Protein backbone atom coordinates (compact mmCIF):
# COMPACT_ATOMS: atom_id res chain seq x y z
CA MET A 1 -0.56 -19.29 -16.51
CA LYS A 2 -0.47 -16.96 -18.98
CA SER A 3 0.72 -13.27 -18.49
CA LEU A 4 -1.55 -10.56 -19.19
CA PHE A 5 -0.79 -6.87 -20.66
CA PRO A 6 -3.28 -4.95 -18.47
CA ILE A 7 -3.81 -1.70 -20.21
CA ALA A 8 -5.54 -0.18 -16.62
CA PRO A 9 -4.00 3.31 -15.44
CA ARG A 10 -1.68 2.31 -12.61
CA TYR A 11 0.32 4.52 -9.84
CA ARG A 12 3.56 4.80 -10.96
CA LEU A 13 6.81 6.62 -9.71
CA ASP A 14 7.02 8.75 -12.52
CA ASP A 15 3.61 9.94 -12.91
CA VAL A 16 2.32 13.23 -13.58
CA SER A 17 -0.51 13.84 -11.56
CA PRO A 18 0.90 13.04 -7.60
CA TRP A 19 -0.87 10.30 -6.29
CA LEU A 20 1.75 9.89 -3.22
CA GLU A 21 0.11 12.35 -0.32
CA GLY A 22 2.69 10.55 2.20
CA ILE A 23 3.68 7.90 3.96
CA ASP A 24 2.94 7.98 7.99
CA PRO A 25 4.68 6.16 11.13
CA SER A 26 2.63 3.42 10.95
CA ARG A 27 3.92 2.41 7.42
CA ASN A 28 0.20 3.73 5.93
CA TYR A 29 0.32 4.99 2.31
CA TRP A 30 -1.84 8.12 1.49
CA ILE A 31 -2.92 7.87 -2.29
CA ALA A 32 -5.09 10.67 -3.96
CA VAL A 33 -7.25 8.30 -5.65
CA ASN A 34 -6.86 9.03 -9.34
CA GLY A 35 -4.97 12.00 -8.20
CA SER A 36 -7.33 13.58 -6.86
CA PRO A 37 -6.57 15.55 -3.51
CA SER A 38 -10.13 15.63 -2.45
CA HIS A 39 -10.44 11.48 -2.84
CA VAL A 40 -7.35 10.51 -0.33
CA VAL A 41 -7.50 7.07 1.11
CA SER A 42 -5.23 5.15 3.28
CA ILE A 43 -4.05 1.75 2.18
CA PRO A 44 -2.04 -0.56 5.20
CA GLY A 45 1.61 -1.01 4.47
CA LEU A 46 3.66 -3.74 5.21
CA GLN A 47 5.25 -3.07 8.91
CA VAL A 48 7.30 -5.88 10.28
CA SER A 49 9.35 -6.49 13.42
CA SER A 50 13.06 -7.35 12.27
CA PHE A 51 15.41 -6.74 9.35
CA GLU A 52 14.61 -10.86 8.52
CA ASP A 53 11.21 -10.49 8.35
CA PHE A 54 11.55 -7.72 6.26
CA LYS A 55 13.88 -9.53 3.60
CA GLN A 56 11.61 -12.39 3.59
CA ILE A 57 8.18 -10.37 2.84
CA VAL A 58 10.10 -8.41 0.26
CA ARG A 59 11.68 -12.16 -1.65
CA GLN A 60 8.17 -13.71 -1.10
CA TRP A 61 6.25 -10.53 -3.40
CA ARG A 62 9.48 -10.50 -5.38
CA SER A 63 8.90 -13.91 -6.60
CA LEU A 64 5.06 -13.77 -7.29
CA HIS A 65 3.49 -14.50 -10.48
CA CYS A 66 0.93 -13.72 -12.53
CA GLY A 67 -2.26 -14.65 -10.77
CA GLU A 68 -0.57 -15.51 -7.14
CA GLN A 69 -1.40 -13.08 -4.46
CA MET A 70 -0.13 -12.76 -1.19
CA GLU A 71 -1.57 -11.83 2.57
CA ILE A 72 -0.04 -9.36 4.58
CA GLU A 73 -0.50 -9.20 8.14
CA ARG A 74 -0.89 -6.48 10.48
CA ILE A 75 -1.49 -6.04 14.22
CA VAL A 76 -4.73 -4.31 12.86
CA GLY A 77 -5.70 -6.50 10.08
CA SER A 78 -4.58 -7.35 6.63
CA PHE A 79 -4.19 -6.73 3.52
CA THR A 80 -3.68 -8.80 0.01
CA ILE A 81 -1.17 -8.14 -3.17
CA HIS A 82 -2.41 -9.44 -5.95
CA CYS A 83 0.15 -9.84 -8.83
CA ILE A 84 -1.71 -9.36 -12.10
CA SER A 85 1.02 -9.56 -14.45
CA ASP A 86 4.50 -9.15 -14.22
CA ASN A 87 5.06 -5.60 -14.09
CA CYS A 88 1.11 -4.65 -12.45
CA PHE A 89 0.15 -5.52 -8.91
CA ALA A 90 -3.30 -4.47 -7.35
CA ILE A 91 -3.88 -4.22 -3.15
CA ALA A 92 -7.78 -4.08 -2.58
CA THR A 93 -9.11 -2.05 -0.04
CA GLU A 94 -12.54 -0.16 0.35
CA PHE A 95 -13.45 3.89 -0.79
CA HIS A 96 -16.67 4.92 0.27
CA GLY A 97 -18.31 0.91 1.00
CA ALA A 98 -17.20 0.13 -2.54
CA PRO A 99 -14.06 -2.11 -3.02
CA VAL A 100 -11.31 -0.59 -5.22
CA TRP A 101 -8.20 -2.32 -6.29
CA HIS A 102 -5.22 0.23 -6.40
CA LEU A 103 -2.82 -0.46 -9.42
CA PHE A 104 0.65 -0.68 -9.14
CA ASP A 105 3.49 -0.79 -11.12
CA ARG A 106 6.49 -3.58 -9.97
CA GLU A 107 9.10 -0.56 -9.37
CA THR A 108 6.34 1.31 -7.30
CA LEU A 109 5.56 -1.41 -5.46
CA ASP A 110 8.74 -2.46 -4.25
CA SER A 111 9.41 1.57 -3.24
CA LEU A 112 6.68 1.48 -1.34
CA LEU A 113 7.63 -1.99 0.85
CA MET A 114 11.05 -0.71 1.03
CA THR A 115 9.19 1.46 3.84
CA ALA A 116 9.37 -1.16 5.90
CA HIS A 117 12.97 -1.32 6.58
CA PRO A 118 13.38 -0.92 10.20
CA ASP A 119 15.41 2.16 9.82
CA TRP A 120 13.07 3.83 7.48
CA ILE A 121 11.82 6.95 9.01
CA CYS A 122 9.20 9.07 7.53
CA ALA A 123 9.11 12.12 6.33
CA PRO A 124 8.71 15.18 9.21
CA LYS A 125 5.05 16.22 7.48
CA ASP A 126 4.08 12.77 7.55
CA VAL A 127 3.88 12.36 10.80
CA GLU A 128 0.89 14.93 10.20
CA LEU A 129 -1.38 11.75 8.19
CA GLY A 130 -0.19 9.62 11.34
CA ARG A 131 -2.85 11.63 13.74
CA LYS A 132 -5.11 12.09 11.14
CA MET A 133 -5.40 7.81 11.06
CA LEU A 134 -5.36 8.31 15.28
CA MET A 135 -8.31 10.67 14.80
CA ARG A 136 -9.90 8.31 12.26
CA SER A 137 -9.92 5.31 15.24
CA TRP A 138 -11.46 7.58 17.75
CA GLN A 139 -14.74 8.36 15.71
CA GLN A 140 -15.24 4.90 15.56
CA ALA A 141 -17.51 2.84 17.83
CA ALA A 142 -15.82 0.63 20.21
CA LEU A 143 -16.64 -3.02 20.38
CA ALA A 144 -18.88 -3.89 23.80
């Protein structure tokens, strides 16, 4: 497939507007949609059980080509990374019930995936984000 050159805005490490709120201990990425602090979403991130799994998944991600996708399995669900072009990747989620693709450049998504390394420890301020996620789960109805 021919490589595309998307002009769509994407999250970059050098963005002027702060978009990354933090990464909680469960490796969820807390993102301010379009840099808006009133629209913060939690995107599932990469979790692994061993260093070997970490290396295998990161190598698989780095070998994605335009048009390919990669399914990431988590205990609580899964998510898909879509390769849009050489320097544009998407993670699909929902925002207020609508499907949304969060676009990242290669360097940014690589940095986010690196937090799955078994030795990575979240920032102390981001532990509160994990508590927020736990509170959200308590507000959902239990399956009978």
